[in-house]
PDB file of N, CA and C in Angstrom:
ATOM      1  N   UNK A   1     -68.320 -51.697  23.806  1.00  0.00           N
ATOM      2  CA  UNK A   1     -67.036 -52.191  23.565  1.00  0.00           C
ATOM      3  C   UNK A   1     -67.804 -53.582  22.720  1.00  0.00           C
ATOM      4  N   UNK A   2     -66.767 -53.805  21.778  1.00  0.00           N
ATOM      5  CA  UNK A   2     -66.803 -55.027  21.208  1.00  0.00           C
ATOM      6  C   UNK A   2     -65.445 -55.630  21.723  1.00  0.00           C
ATOM      7  N   UNK A   3     -65.701 -57.157  22.086  1.00  0.00           N
ATOM      8  CA  UNK A   3     -64.428 -57.923  22.277  1.00  0.00           C
ATOM      9  C   UNK A   3     -64.606 -59.257  21.618  1.00  0.00           C
ATOM     10  N   UNK A   4     -63.410 -59.572  21.525  1.00  0.00           N
ATOM     11  CA  UNK A   4     -63.179 -60.859  20.836  1.00  0.00           C
ATOM     12  C   UNK A   4     -62.348 -61.784  21.688  1.00  0.00           C
ATOM     13  N   UNK A   5     -61.953 -63.022  21.642  1.00  0.00           N
ATOM     14  CA  UNK A   5     -61.163 -63.796  22.422  1.00  0.00           C
ATOM     15  C   UNK A   5     -59.853 -62.788  22.624  1.00  0.00           C
ATOM     16  N   UNK A   6     -59.817 -62.630  24.101  1.00  0.00           N
ATOM     17  CA  UNK A   6     -58.366 -61.921  24.759  1.00  0.00           C
ATOM     18  C   UNK A   6     -58.380 -60.435  24.007  1.00  0.00           C
ATOM     19  N   UNK A   7     -58.962 -59.749  23.450  1.00  0.00           N
ATOM     20  CA  UNK A   7     -58.727 -58.385  22.935  1.00  0.00           C
ATOM     21  C   UNK A   7     -60.064 -57.185  22.914  1.00  0.00           C
ATOM     22  N   UNK A   8     -59.743 -56.368  22.684  1.00  0.00           N
ATOM     23  CA  UNK A   8     -60.880 -55.639  22.213  1.00  0.00           C
ATOM     24  C   UNK A   8     -60.943 -55.234  20.938  1.00  0.00           C
ATOM     25  N   UNK A   9     -62.008 -54.974  20.343  1.00  0.00           N
ATOM     26  CA  UNK A   9     -62.108 -55.216  18.806  1.00  0.00           C
ATOM     27  C   UNK A   9     -62.494 -53.713  18.575  1.00  0.00           C
ATOM     28  N   UNK A  10     -63.273 -53.336  19.178  1.00  0.00           N
ATOM     29  CA  UNK A  10     -63.723 -51.873  19.156  1.00  0.00           C
ATOM     30  C   UNK A  10     -64.670 -50.929  19.910  1.00  0.00           C
ATOM     31  N   UNK A  11     -64.770 -49.815  20.389  1.00  0.00           N
ATOM     32  CA  UNK A  11     -65.483 -49.153  21.108  1.00  0.00           C
ATOM     33  C   UNK A  11     -66.331 -48.342  20.491  1.00  0.00           C
ATOM     34  N   UNK A  12     -67.761 -47.813  20.520  1.00  0.00           N
ATOM     35  CA  UNK A  12     -68.582 -46.947  20.203  1.00  0.00           C
ATOM     36  C   UNK A  12     -68.616 -45.952  21.679  1.00  0.00           C
ATOM     37  N   UNK A  13     -69.007 -44.804  20.789  1.00  0.00           N
ATOM     38  CA  UNK A  13     -69.131 -43.727  21.996  1.00  0.00           C
ATOM     39  C   UNK A  13     -70.488 -43.046  21.606  1.00  0.00           C
ATOM     40  N   UNK A  14     -71.420 -42.289  22.305  1.00  0.00           N
ATOM     41  CA  UNK A  14     -72.114 -41.218  21.692  1.00  0.00           C
ATOM     42  C   UNK A  14     -72.040 -39.976  22.383  1.00  0.00           C
ATOM     43  N   UNK A  15     -72.461 -38.677  21.733  1.00  0.00           N
ATOM     44  CA  UNK A  15     -72.378 -37.764  21.916  1.00  0.00           C
ATOM     45  C   UNK A  15     -73.732 -37.439  22.102  1.00  0.00           C
ATOM     46  N   UNK A  16     -74.521 -36.128  23.239  1.00  0.00           N
ATOM     47  CA  UNK A  16     -75.783 -36.211  23.232  1.00  0.00           C
ATOM     48  C   UNK A  16     -75.816 -34.823  23.956  1.00  0.00           C
ATOM     49  N   UNK A  17     -76.920 -34.033  22.929  1.00  0.00           N
ATOM     50  CA  UNK A  17     -77.578 -32.544  23.370  1.00  0.00           C
ATOM     51  C   UNK A  17     -78.193 -32.561  24.562  1.00  0.00           C
ATOM     52  N   UNK A  18     -78.713 -31.369  24.916  1.00  0.00           N
ATOM     53  CA  UNK A  18     -79.416 -31.272  26.347  1.00  0.00           C
ATOM     54  C   UNK A  18     -80.185 -31.852  26.144  1.00  0.00           C
ATOM     55  N   UNK A  19     -81.374 -32.049  24.947  1.00  0.00           N
ATOM     56  CA  UNK A  19     -82.449 -32.904  25.469  1.00  0.00           C
ATOM     57  C   UNK A  19     -81.960 -34.866  24.987  1.00  0.00           C
ATOM     58  N   UNK A  20     -81.000 -34.651  25.474  1.00  0.00           N
ATOM     59  CA  UNK A  20     -80.780 -36.262  25.336  1.00  0.00           C
ATOM     60  C   UNK A  20     -80.810 -36.675  23.937  1.00  0.00           C
ATOM     61  N   UNK A  21     -80.785 -36.298  22.528  1.00  0.00           N
ATOM     62  CA  UNK A  21     -80.771 -37.089  21.246  1.00  0.00           C
ATOM     63  C   UNK A  21     -79.217 -36.897  21.032  1.00  0.00           C
ATOM     64  N   UNK A  22     -78.582 -37.945  20.852  1.00  0.00           N
ATOM     65  CA  UNK A  22     -77.815 -38.702  19.750  1.00  0.00           C
ATOM     66  C   UNK A  22     -77.016 -37.309  19.008  1.00  0.00           C
ATOM     67  N   UNK A  23     -75.866 -36.828  18.974  1.00  0.00           N
ATOM     68  CA  UNK A  23     -75.737 -35.848  17.861  1.00  0.00           C
ATOM     69  C   UNK A  23     -74.382 -36.249  17.482  1.00  0.00           C
ATOM     70  N   UNK A  24     -73.651 -37.218  17.740  1.00  0.00           N
ATOM     71  CA  UNK A  24     -72.508 -37.589  17.113  1.00  0.00           C
ATOM     72  C   UNK A  24     -72.098 -39.165  17.554  1.00  0.00           C
ATOM     73  N   UNK A  25     -72.228 -40.269  16.787  1.00  0.00           N
ATOM     74  CA  UNK A  25     -71.236 -41.167  16.859  1.00  0.00           C
ATOM     75  C   UNK A  25     -69.782 -41.723  16.565  1.00  0.00           C
ATOM     76  N   UNK A  26     -69.133 -42.029  17.699  1.00  0.00           N
ATOM     77  CA  UNK A  26     -67.758 -42.480  17.285  1.00  0.00           C
ATOM     78  C   UNK A  26     -67.288 -43.647  17.589  1.00  0.00           C
ATOM     79  N   UNK A  27     -66.806 -44.060  16.897  1.00  0.00           N
ATOM     80  CA  UNK A  27     -66.244 -45.763  16.221  1.00  0.00           C
ATOM     81  C   UNK A  27     -64.520 -45.793  16.806  1.00  0.00           C
ATOM     82  N   UNK A  28     -64.005 -46.411  17.516  1.00  0.00           N
ATOM     83  CA  UNK A  28     -62.478 -46.499  17.452  1.00  0.00           C
ATOM     84  C   UNK A  28     -62.363 -47.906  17.216  1.00  0.00           C
ATOM     85  N   UNK A  29     -61.519 -48.206  16.130  1.00  0.00           N
ATOM     86  CA  UNK A  29     -60.987 -49.951  15.998  1.00  0.00           C
ATOM     87  C   UNK A  29     -59.472 -50.000  15.718  1.00  0.00           C
ATOM     88  N   UNK A  30     -58.860 -48.780  16.177  1.00  0.00           N
ATOM     89  CA  UNK A  30     -57.692 -48.340  15.845  1.00  0.00           C
ATOM     90  C   UNK A  30     -56.828 -49.561  17.331  1.00  0.00           C
ATOM     91  N   UNK A  31     -56.289 -50.583  16.811  1.00  0.00           N
ATOM     92  CA  UNK A  31     -55.660 -51.536  18.382  1.00  0.00           C
ATOM     93  C   UNK A  31     -54.609 -50.705  18.842  1.00  0.00           C
ATOM     94  N   UNK A  32     -53.547 -49.782  18.534  1.00  0.00           N
ATOM     95  CA  UNK A  32     -53.002 -49.045  19.403  1.00  0.00           C
ATOM     96  C   UNK A  32     -53.958 -48.151  20.073  1.00  0.00           C
ATOM     97  N   UNK A  33     -54.734 -47.065  19.926  1.00  0.00           N
ATOM     98  CA  UNK A  33     -56.156 -46.450  20.646  1.00  0.00           C
ATOM     99  C   UNK A  33     -56.711 -47.396  21.539  1.00  0.00           C
ATOM    100  N   UNK A  34     -56.732 -48.432  21.042  1.00  0.00           N
ATOM    101  CA  UNK A  34     -57.578 -49.375  22.154  1.00  0.00           C
ATOM    102  C   UNK A  34     -56.713 -49.985  23.088  1.00  0.00           C
ATOM    103  N   UNK A  35     -55.478 -50.039  23.139  1.00  0.00           N
ATOM    104  CA  UNK A  35     -54.861 -50.951  24.213  1.00  0.00           C
ATOM    105  C   UNK A  35     -54.994 -50.321  25.637  1.00  0.00           C
ATOM    106  N   UNK A  36     -55.200 -48.915  26.056  1.00  0.00           N
ATOM    107  CA  UNK A  36     -55.464 -48.403  27.168  1.00  0.00           C
ATOM    108  C   UNK A  36     -57.273 -49.120  27.393  1.00  0.00           C
ATOM    109  N   UNK A  37     -57.938 -49.150  26.707  1.00  0.00           N
ATOM    110  CA  UNK A  37     -59.317 -50.029  27.072  1.00  0.00           C
ATOM    111  C   UNK A  37     -58.918 -51.474  27.595  1.00  0.00           C
ATOM    112  N   UNK A  38     -58.129 -51.765  26.558  1.00  0.00           N
ATOM    113  CA  UNK A  38     -58.158 -53.581  27.132  1.00  0.00           C
ATOM    114  C   UNK A  38     -56.778 -53.476  28.334  1.00  0.00           C
ATOM    115  N   UNK A  39     -56.254 -52.600  28.693  1.00  0.00           N
ATOM    116  CA  UNK A  39     -55.500 -52.525  30.058  1.00  0.00           C
ATOM    117  C   UNK A  39     -56.324 -52.035  30.778  1.00  0.00           C
ATOM    118  N   UNK A  40     -57.608 -51.418  30.980  1.00  0.00           N
ATOM    119  CA  UNK A  40     -58.466 -50.944  31.902  1.00  0.00           C
ATOM    120  C   UNK A  40     -57.950 -49.772  32.634  1.00  0.00           C
ATOM    121  N   UNK A  41     -56.962 -48.813  31.857  1.00  0.00           N
ATOM    122  CA  UNK A  41     -56.574 -47.552  32.076  1.00  0.00           C
ATOM    123  C   UNK A  41     -57.648 -46.517  32.344  1.00  0.00           C
ATOM    124  N   UNK A  42     -57.658 -46.062  33.745  1.00  0.00           N
ATOM    125  CA  UNK A  42     -58.475 -44.904  33.574  1.00  0.00           C
ATOM    126  C   UNK A  42     -58.049 -43.984  34.027  1.00  0.00           C
ATOM    127  N   UNK A  43     -58.904 -42.638  33.196  1.00  0.00           N
ATOM    128  CA  UNK A  43     -58.043 -40.954  32.912  1.00  0.00           C
ATOM    129  C   UNK A  43     -58.932 -40.253  33.835  1.00  0.00           C
ATOM    130  N   UNK A  44     -58.678 -39.203  34.616  1.00  0.00           N
ATOM    131  CA  UNK A  44     -59.692 -38.458  35.241  1.00  0.00           C
ATOM    132  C   UNK A  44     -59.909 -37.341  34.062  1.00  0.00           C
ATOM    133  N   UNK A  45     -61.325 -37.252  33.658  1.00  0.00           N
ATOM    134  CA  UNK A  45     -61.999 -36.338  32.904  1.00  0.00           C
ATOM    135  C   UNK A  45     -62.271 -35.286  33.476  1.00  0.00           C
ATOM    136  N   UNK A  46     -62.367 -35.212  34.924  1.00  0.00           N
ATOM    137  CA  UNK A  46     -62.725 -33.774  35.479  1.00  0.00           C
ATOM    138  C   UNK A  46     -64.021 -33.404  36.027  1.00  0.00           C
ATOM    139  N   UNK A  47     -64.662 -32.865  36.417  1.00  0.00           N
ATOM    140  CA  UNK A  47     -66.488 -32.568  36.226  1.00  0.00           C
ATOM    141  C   UNK A  47     -66.318 -31.757  34.962  1.00  0.00           C
ATOM    142  N   UNK A  48     -67.867 -32.235  34.475  1.00  0.00           N
ATOM    143  CA  UNK A  48     -68.327 -31.523  33.308  1.00  0.00           C
ATOM    144  C   UNK A  48     -69.690 -30.906  33.649  1.00  0.00           C
TER     145      UNK A  48
END
């Protein structure tokens, strides 16, 4: 997560394969999509 004064600027997440290698990098910088991060909203993703 990248943040500035009082706001979240962007998040970066990674997908990994079974060997632990990065297979994808996801960057989100859309303020509407980042609002849940800024608010601290938690989502149950279930068991993987």
